[in-house]
Amino acid sequence: MTDGYDCYQNALAERINGILKMEYLVTKPRDLEEAKKMVAESVALYNEQRPHMALKYKTPDEVHRAFT
């Protein structure tokens, strides 16, 4: 799941995968195209609309834009 051998990166990737599966992908897609669309929409919601307690209730997108 990561680009290196850092086990902590893998844990973060698995956490994100779990959130996607449990909170966003609650229905089974009919085909691969629908699955791709569902994942893209879920990632957009996660990054742009879902506030995170660890980010002081800001979205990842808000935090990222603050550093650019």
C-alpha atoms as a PDB file:
ATOM      1  CA  MET A   1       0.000   0.000   0.000  1.00  0.00           C
ATOM      2  CA  THR A   2       2.979   2.345   0.312  1.00  0.00           C
ATOM      3  CA  ASP A   3       5.934   3.441  -1.757  1.00  0.00           C
ATOM      4  CA  GLY A   4       8.525   2.218   0.738  1.00  0.00           C
ATOM      5  CA  TYR A   5       9.020  -0.096   3.643  1.00  0.00           C
ATOM      6  CA  ASP A   6       7.587   2.105   6.388  1.00  0.00           C
ATOM      7  CA  CYS A   7       5.051   0.039   8.319  1.00  0.00           C
ATOM      8  CA  TYR A   8       3.408   3.190   9.683  1.00  0.00           C
ATOM      9  CA  GLN A   9       2.525   4.319   6.163  1.00  0.00           C
ATOM     10  CA  ASN A  10       0.841   0.968   5.577  1.00  0.00           C
ATOM     11  CA  ALA A  11      -1.235   1.376   8.738  1.00  0.00           C
ATOM     12  CA  LEU A  12      -2.436   4.781   7.539  1.00  0.00           C
ATOM     13  CA  ALA A  13      -3.361   3.362   4.133  1.00  0.00           C
ATOM     14  CA  GLU A  14      -5.293   0.513   5.780  1.00  0.00           C
ATOM     15  CA  ARG A  15      -7.137   3.009   8.004  1.00  0.00           C
ATOM     16  CA  ILE A  16      -8.226   5.006   4.958  1.00  0.00           C
ATOM     17  CA  ASN A  17      -9.329   1.830   3.187  1.00  0.00           C
ATOM     18  CA  GLY A  18     -11.398   0.866   6.229  1.00  0.00           C
ATOM     19  CA  ILE A  19     -13.094   4.269   6.363  1.00  0.00           C
ATOM     20  CA  LEU A  20     -13.937   4.066   2.668  1.00  0.00           C
ATOM     21  CA  LYS A  21     -15.415   0.584   3.044  1.00  0.00           C
ATOM     22  CA  MET A  22     -17.373   1.200   6.253  1.00  0.00           C
ATOM     23  CA  GLU A  23     -18.577   4.787   5.764  1.00  0.00           C
ATOM     24  CA  TYR A  24     -18.836   5.393   2.037  1.00  0.00           C
ATOM     25  CA  LEU A  25     -19.010   2.212  -0.013  1.00  0.00           C
ATOM     26  CA  VAL A  26     -22.093   0.774   1.641  1.00  0.00           C
ATOM     27  CA  THR A  27     -23.665  -0.663  -1.517  1.00  0.00           C
ATOM     28  CA  LYS A  28     -22.079  -3.114  -3.905  1.00  0.00           C
ATOM     29  CA  PRO A  29     -21.267  -1.666  -7.328  1.00  0.00           C
ATOM     30  CA  ARG A  30     -22.757  -3.316 -10.407  1.00  0.00           C
ATOM     31  CA  ASP A  31     -19.514  -3.215 -12.394  1.00  0.00           C
ATOM     32  CA  LEU A  32     -15.973  -1.847 -12.430  1.00  0.00           C
ATOM     33  CA  GLU A  33     -16.993   1.520 -13.872  1.00  0.00           C
ATOM     34  CA  GLU A  34     -19.519   2.085 -11.106  1.00  0.00           C
ATOM     35  CA  ALA A  35     -16.929   1.025  -8.513  1.00  0.00           C
ATOM     36  CA  LYS A  36     -14.429   3.561  -9.882  1.00  0.00           C
ATOM     37  CA  LYS A  37     -17.071   6.290  -9.774  1.00  0.00           C
ATOM     38  CA  MET A  38     -18.073   5.387  -6.215  1.00  0.00           C
ATOM     39  CA  VAL A  39     -14.460   5.455  -5.018  1.00  0.00           C
ATOM     40  CA  ALA A  40     -13.784   8.807  -6.712  1.00  0.00           C
ATOM     41  CA  GLU A  41     -16.893  10.346  -5.135  1.00  0.00           C
ATOM     42  CA  SER A  42     -15.995   8.906  -1.732  1.00  0.00           C
ATOM     43  CA  VAL A  43     -12.453  10.259  -1.847  1.00  0.00           C
ATOM     44  CA  ALA A  44     -13.754  13.693  -2.841  1.00  0.00           C
ATOM     45  CA  LEU A  45     -16.227  13.689   0.051  1.00  0.00           C
ATOM     46  CA  TYR A  46     -13.550  12.496   2.474  1.00  0.00           C
ATOM     47  CA  ASN A  47     -11.079  15.189   1.421  1.00  0.00           C
ATOM     48  CA  GLU A  48     -13.426  18.111   0.817  1.00  0.00           C
ATOM     49  CA  GLN A  49     -16.387  17.757   3.183  1.00  0.00           C
ATOM     50  CA  ARG A  50     -15.585  15.413   6.080  1.00  0.00           C
ATOM     51  CA  PRO A  51     -14.098  17.305   9.051  1.00  0.00           C
ATOM     52  CA  HIS A  52     -11.430  15.427  11.006  1.00  0.00           C
ATOM     53  CA  MET A  53     -10.984  15.673  14.756  1.00  0.00           C
ATOM     54  CA  ALA A  54      -7.198  15.269  14.376  1.00  0.00           C
ATOM     55  CA  LEU A  55      -7.217  18.310  12.071  1.00  0.00           C
ATOM     56  CA  LYS A  56      -9.181  20.430  14.566  1.00  0.00           C
ATOM     57  CA  TYR A  57     -12.399  19.764  12.644  1.00  0.00           C
ATOM     58  CA  LYS A  58     -11.041  20.959   9.325  1.00  0.00           C
ATOM     59  CA  THR A  59     -11.098  18.960   6.133  1.00  0.00           C
ATOM     60  CA  PRO A  60      -7.876  17.549   4.669  1.00  0.00           C
ATOM     61  CA  ASP A  61      -8.357  19.871   1.705  1.00  0.00           C
ATOM     62  CA  GLU A  62      -8.538  22.938   3.964  1.00  0.00           C
ATOM     63  CA  VAL A  63      -5.345  21.937   5.768  1.00  0.00           C
ATOM     64  CA  HIS A  64      -3.537  21.199   2.532  1.00  0.00           C
ATOM     65  CA  ARG A  65      -4.516  24.556   0.995  1.00  0.00           C
ATOM     66  CA  ALA A  66      -3.225  26.362   4.093  1.00  0.00           C
ATOM     67  CA  PHE A  67       0.306  25.117   3.306  1.00  0.00           C
ATOM     68  CA  THR A  68       0.343  25.990  -0.392  1.00  0.00           C
END
